[in-house]
Amino acid sequence: MQRVGSRRQVWNKTAKQTSGGLTRSELFQDKYGNLKSRKASKKAKKNKNLKKAGWTFKKGSFGAVRIEEKKKKGTKGKKRTKGRKSTKKRGKKQRGGGSCGSPPVDQGSR
C-alpha cells in the first residue's frame, strides 16, 4: 500500500493519505460520485458560499434557485464610464513577413 496517493486511491484503500494529509475517514462521495473533503464542505456551508454566489433555495421546489435580479439592484456600485480607459496611442500592426518594411536582400547566384 502506498503512503501518499490521490483521493480515489485513498478511497479504494490503495493509499493511506492524500498529499494534503486527508485520510479515508475525512473523505465522502457526493451524489455524482466525486470525492470531497468533509471539513471543506462543512466550512463552505457555514460560510454560506452558495448565497454569496447568488444562489438560494425555494420552499416547495428541489435544488438551488438563482436569487432574483431585483434584490441585486438595491446594492450601490460604481458607475461605469463609456470609452477607453487608457489614453495611450497604439501603433499600427504590420502585416506580412518579418521584413519590417526593408526590401528583400539579394543573396547572389551560386
Protein backbone atom coordinates (compact mmCIF):
# COMPACT_ATOMS: atom_id res chain seq x y z
CA MET A 1 0.00 0.00 0.00
CA GLN A 2 1.27 3.46 -0.93
CA ARG A 3 1.61 6.09 1.73
CA VAL A 4 0.57 9.09 -0.43
CA GLY A 5 -1.89 8.94 -3.31
CA SER A 6 -4.89 10.57 -4.95
CA ARG A 7 -8.29 10.89 -3.26
CA ARG A 8 -9.54 7.95 -5.31
CA GLN A 9 -6.60 5.79 -4.22
CA VAL A 10 -7.26 6.67 -0.58
CA TRP A 11 -10.96 5.88 -1.04
CA ASN A 12 -10.13 2.47 -2.61
CA LYS A 13 -7.65 1.77 0.21
CA THR A 14 -4.61 1.53 -2.07
CA ALA A 15 -3.02 4.59 -0.37
CA LYS A 16 -3.08 5.76 3.24
CA GLN A 17 -3.48 9.52 2.71
CA THR A 18 -3.54 12.26 0.09
CA SER A 19 -0.70 14.73 -0.45
CA GLY A 20 -2.71 17.21 1.65
CA GLY A 21 -2.97 14.71 4.50
CA LEU A 22 -6.62 13.61 4.08
CA THR A 23 -7.40 10.07 5.22
CA ARG A 24 -10.35 7.91 4.20
CA SER A 25 -12.42 8.95 7.21
CA GLU A 26 -12.11 12.62 6.16
CA LEU A 27 -13.48 11.96 2.64
CA PHE A 28 -17.00 11.31 1.35
CA GLN A 29 -18.69 10.83 -2.02
CA ASP A 30 -21.26 13.29 -3.29
CA LYS A 31 -24.32 12.23 -5.27
CA TYR A 32 -22.33 12.38 -8.52
CA GLY A 33 -19.61 10.06 -7.21
CA ASN A 34 -16.96 12.75 -6.75
CA LEU A 35 -14.79 12.58 -3.65
CA LYS A 36 -14.99 15.58 -1.34
CA SER A 37 -13.44 16.67 1.93
CA ARG A 38 -15.86 16.64 4.87
CA LYS A 39 -14.08 19.53 6.56
CA ALA A 40 -14.10 21.78 3.47
CA SER A 41 -17.78 21.04 2.78
CA LYS A 42 -18.78 21.95 6.34
CA LYS A 43 -16.80 25.20 6.14
CA ALA A 44 -18.42 26.12 2.81
CA LYS A 45 -21.86 25.51 4.28
CA LYS A 46 -21.02 27.56 7.37
CA ASN A 47 -19.67 30.47 5.26
CA LYS A 48 -22.83 30.41 3.07
CA ASN A 49 -20.79 30.26 -0.14
CA LEU A 50 -23.86 29.48 -2.29
CA LYS A 51 -25.73 32.52 -1.03
CA LYS A 52 -22.71 34.75 -1.68
CA ALA A 53 -22.50 33.37 -5.23
CA GLY A 54 -26.15 34.28 -5.87
CA TRP A 55 -27.98 31.01 -5.13
CA THR A 56 -30.66 30.16 -2.57
CA PHE A 57 -33.47 27.65 -2.08
CA LYS A 58 -37.21 27.96 -2.58
CA LYS A 59 -39.70 26.18 -0.38
CA GLY A 60 -41.63 23.58 -2.32
CA SER A 61 -39.06 23.06 -5.08
CA PHE A 62 -35.96 20.89 -5.15
CA GLY A 63 -32.48 22.21 -5.86
CA ALA A 64 -30.87 25.62 -5.82
CA VAL A 65 -32.65 28.65 -7.27
CA ARG A 66 -30.96 31.80 -8.60
CA ILE A 67 -31.52 34.92 -6.46
CA GLU A 68 -33.72 37.42 -8.32
CA GLU A 69 -32.18 40.42 -10.03
CA LYS A 70 -34.44 42.80 -8.08
CA LYS A 71 -32.55 42.11 -4.88
CA LYS A 72 -29.18 42.69 -6.55
CA LYS A 73 -30.15 46.11 -7.98
CA GLY A 74 -30.53 47.57 -4.49
CA THR A 75 -26.78 47.42 -3.85
CA LYS A 76 -24.77 50.55 -4.61
CA GLY A 77 -21.86 50.28 -7.01
CA LYS A 78 -19.52 52.41 -9.06
CA LYS A 79 -20.83 53.89 -12.29
CA ARG A 80 -19.00 52.85 -15.41
CA THR A 81 -17.87 55.45 -17.88
CA LYS A 82 -18.06 54.75 -21.56
CA GLY A 83 -14.94 54.88 -23.67
CA ARG A 84 -11.37 53.71 -23.33
CA LYS A 85 -9.61 53.57 -20.01
CA SER A 86 -6.11 54.46 -21.22
CA THR A 87 -5.13 57.33 -23.46
CA LYS A 88 -2.01 55.62 -24.82
CA LYS A 89 -1.64 55.61 -28.60
CA ARG A 90 -1.24 52.20 -30.07
CA GLY A 91 0.99 51.53 -33.06
CA LYS A 92 -0.31 50.05 -36.28
CA LYS A 93 0.10 46.32 -36.70
CA GLN A 94 2.35 45.41 -39.59
CA ARG A 95 1.28 42.56 -41.76
CA GLY A 96 3.35 40.22 -43.81
CA GLY A 97 6.72 38.62 -43.11
CA GLY A 98 9.31 39.75 -40.62
CA SER A 99 10.98 42.09 -43.10
CA CYS A 100 9.96 45.27 -41.20
CA GLY A 101 9.50 47.23 -44.42
CA SER A 102 13.00 46.76 -45.78
CA PRO A 103 13.39 45.42 -49.33
CA PRO A 104 14.48 41.79 -49.77
CA VAL A 105 18.25 41.28 -49.87
CA ASP A 106 19.69 39.55 -52.95
CA GLN A 107 21.76 36.51 -51.91
CA GLY A 108 23.53 36.26 -55.25
CA SER A 109 23.56 33.28 -57.60
CA ARG A 110 25.54 30.15 -56.81
